């Protein structure tokens, strides 16, 4: 156990299956950051998911 208050993850919006994995882990979608990352095709948007201690 780490005792973290917040765990956050992000994924390329062009890979929606990653978002499904995050949802299965109990994470909640918090929004999309535009042009926030780079993949092998260039700049891309990312979706942010998080799990808070209070979500348990």
N, C-alpha and C. Protein backbone atom coordinates (compact mmCIF):
# COMPACT_ATOMS: atom_id res chain seq x y z
N UNK A 1 0.83 -1.18 0.00
CA UNK A 1 0.00 0.00 0.00
C UNK A 1 0.87 1.24 0.00
N UNK A 2 0.47 2.20 -0.82
CA UNK A 2 1.22 3.44 -0.94
C UNK A 2 0.59 4.55 -0.12
N UNK A 3 -0.72 4.56 -0.02
CA UNK A 3 -1.41 5.60 0.73
C UNK A 3 -1.63 6.87 -0.07
N UNK A 4 -1.56 6.77 -1.40
CA UNK A 4 -1.74 7.94 -2.26
C UNK A 4 -3.18 8.44 -2.19
N UNK A 5 -3.35 9.74 -2.30
CA UNK A 5 -4.68 10.34 -2.33
C UNK A 5 -5.25 10.30 -3.75
N UNK A 6 -4.37 10.32 -4.76
CA UNK A 6 -4.82 10.39 -6.14
C UNK A 6 -3.87 9.60 -7.04
N UNK A 7 -4.45 8.81 -7.93
CA UNK A 7 -3.69 8.13 -8.97
C UNK A 7 -4.27 8.61 -10.29
N UNK A 8 -3.41 9.06 -11.19
CA UNK A 8 -3.84 9.65 -12.45
C UNK A 8 -3.18 8.93 -13.61
N UNK A 9 -3.92 8.81 -14.72
CA UNK A 9 -3.37 8.21 -15.93
C UNK A 9 -3.92 8.95 -17.13
N UNK A 10 -3.21 8.87 -18.23
CA UNK A 10 -3.68 9.51 -19.47
C UNK A 10 -3.44 8.57 -20.63
N UNK A 11 -4.20 8.78 -21.69
CA UNK A 11 -4.00 7.98 -22.90
C UNK A 11 -4.32 8.81 -24.13
N UNK A 12 -3.71 8.42 -25.22
CA UNK A 12 -3.94 9.04 -26.53
C UNK A 12 -5.40 8.81 -26.91
N UNK A 13 -6.11 9.85 -27.29
CA UNK A 13 -7.53 9.70 -27.64
C UNK A 13 -7.74 8.80 -28.86
N UNK A 14 -6.70 8.57 -29.64
CA UNK A 14 -6.79 7.68 -30.79
C UNK A 14 -6.71 6.21 -30.38
N UNK A 15 -6.56 5.94 -29.09
CA UNK A 15 -6.51 4.58 -28.57
C UNK A 15 -7.57 4.41 -27.48
N UNK A 16 -8.83 4.33 -27.87
CA UNK A 16 -9.92 4.29 -26.88
C UNK A 16 -9.90 3.04 -26.00
N UNK A 17 -9.26 1.96 -26.43
CA UNK A 17 -9.20 0.75 -25.61
C UNK A 17 -8.45 1.00 -24.31
N UNK A 18 -7.48 1.91 -24.34
CA UNK A 18 -6.77 2.26 -23.10
C UNK A 18 -7.71 2.89 -22.10
N UNK A 19 -8.64 3.69 -22.57
CA UNK A 19 -9.63 4.30 -21.69
C UNK A 19 -10.53 3.25 -21.05
N UNK A 20 -10.86 2.21 -21.80
CA UNK A 20 -11.69 1.13 -21.25
C UNK A 20 -10.97 0.42 -20.12
N UNK A 21 -9.67 0.22 -20.27
CA UNK A 21 -8.88 -0.41 -19.20
C UNK A 21 -8.92 0.46 -17.95
N UNK A 22 -8.77 1.77 -18.12
CA UNK A 22 -8.79 2.68 -16.97
C UNK A 22 -10.15 2.65 -16.28
N UNK A 23 -11.23 2.60 -17.06
CA UNK A 23 -12.57 2.52 -16.47
C UNK A 23 -12.75 1.22 -15.69
N UNK A 24 -12.23 0.12 -16.24
CA UNK A 24 -12.34 -1.17 -15.55
C UNK A 24 -11.58 -1.17 -14.23
N UNK A 25 -10.56 -0.33 -14.13
CA UNK A 25 -9.79 -0.20 -12.89
C UNK A 25 -10.49 0.71 -11.89
N UNK A 26 -11.64 1.28 -12.27
CA UNK A 26 -12.38 2.14 -11.37
C UNK A 26 -12.06 3.62 -11.51
N UNK A 27 -11.22 3.95 -12.49
CA UNK A 27 -10.85 5.36 -12.68
C UNK A 27 -12.01 6.11 -13.34
N UNK A 28 -12.08 7.40 -13.10
CA UNK A 28 -13.13 8.24 -13.67
C UNK A 28 -12.53 9.21 -14.68
N UNK A 29 -13.24 9.38 -15.79
CA UNK A 29 -12.82 10.31 -16.84
C UNK A 29 -12.93 11.73 -16.30
N UNK A 30 -11.87 12.52 -16.48
CA UNK A 30 -11.86 13.90 -15.99
C UNK A 30 -11.79 14.94 -17.09
N UNK A 31 -11.42 14.55 -18.28
CA UNK A 31 -11.37 15.51 -19.36
C UNK A 31 -10.34 15.17 -20.41
N UNK A 32 -10.26 16.03 -21.42
CA UNK A 32 -9.31 15.85 -22.51
C UNK A 32 -8.41 17.07 -22.60
N UNK A 33 -7.13 16.81 -22.69
CA UNK A 33 -6.14 17.88 -22.89
C UNK A 33 -5.80 17.91 -24.37
N UNK A 34 -6.00 19.05 -24.98
CA UNK A 34 -5.76 19.18 -26.41
C UNK A 34 -4.28 19.41 -26.69
N UNK A 35 -3.78 18.72 -27.71
CA UNK A 35 -2.38 18.83 -28.15
C UNK A 35 -1.42 18.74 -26.97
N UNK A 36 -1.60 17.75 -26.13
CA UNK A 36 -0.83 17.65 -24.88
C UNK A 36 0.25 16.58 -24.90
N UNK A 37 0.34 15.81 -25.97
CA UNK A 37 1.35 14.75 -26.02
C UNK A 37 1.79 14.53 -27.46
N UNK A 38 2.81 13.71 -27.60
CA UNK A 38 3.32 13.37 -28.93
C UNK A 38 3.32 11.86 -29.05
N UNK A 39 2.79 11.36 -30.17
CA UNK A 39 2.87 9.94 -30.46
C UNK A 39 3.67 9.76 -31.75
N UNK A 40 3.67 8.56 -32.32
CA UNK A 40 4.46 8.33 -33.54
C UNK A 40 3.89 9.02 -34.77
N UNK A 41 2.72 9.63 -34.64
CA UNK A 41 2.12 10.37 -35.76
C UNK A 41 2.17 11.87 -35.56
N UNK A 42 2.71 12.32 -34.44
CA UNK A 42 2.80 13.75 -34.16
C UNK A 42 2.09 14.12 -32.88
N UNK A 43 1.66 15.36 -32.80
CA UNK A 43 0.99 15.88 -31.60
C UNK A 43 -0.42 15.30 -31.52
N UNK A 44 -0.84 14.95 -30.29
CA UNK A 44 -2.17 14.36 -30.12
C UNK A 44 -2.83 14.86 -28.84
N UNK A 45 -4.13 14.66 -28.77
CA UNK A 45 -4.90 14.96 -27.56
C UNK A 45 -4.81 13.75 -26.62
N UNK A 46 -4.96 14.00 -25.32
CA UNK A 46 -4.96 12.91 -24.35
C UNK A 46 -6.16 13.03 -23.42
N UNK A 47 -6.70 11.89 -23.06
CA UNK A 47 -7.78 11.83 -22.07
C UNK A 47 -7.17 11.54 -20.71
N UNK A 48 -7.69 12.21 -19.69
CA UNK A 48 -7.20 12.06 -18.33
C UNK A 48 -8.22 11.29 -17.50
N UNK A 49 -7.74 10.30 -16.76
CA UNK A 49 -8.55 9.52 -15.83
C UNK A 49 -7.88 9.57 -14.47
N UNK A 50 -8.67 9.49 -13.41
CA UNK A 50 -8.10 9.50 -12.06
C UNK A 50 -8.93 8.66 -11.12
N UNK A 51 -8.26 8.18 -10.07
CA UNK A 51 -8.90 7.45 -8.99
C UNK A 51 -8.49 8.13 -7.70
N UNK A 52 -9.48 8.60 -6.93
CA UNK A 52 -9.21 9.27 -5.67
C UNK A 52 -9.43 8.31 -4.50
N UNK A 53 -8.75 8.56 -3.42
CA UNK A 53 -8.93 7.76 -2.21
C UNK A 53 -10.40 7.77 -1.79
N UNK A 54 -11.06 8.91 -1.96
CA UNK A 54 -12.47 9.05 -1.57
C UNK A 54 -13.42 8.30 -2.51
N UNK A 55 -12.93 7.83 -3.66
CA UNK A 55 -13.76 7.08 -4.61
C UNK A 55 -13.98 5.64 -4.16
N UNK A 56 -13.20 5.17 -3.22
CA UNK A 56 -13.29 3.76 -2.80
C UNK A 56 -14.54 3.46 -2.06
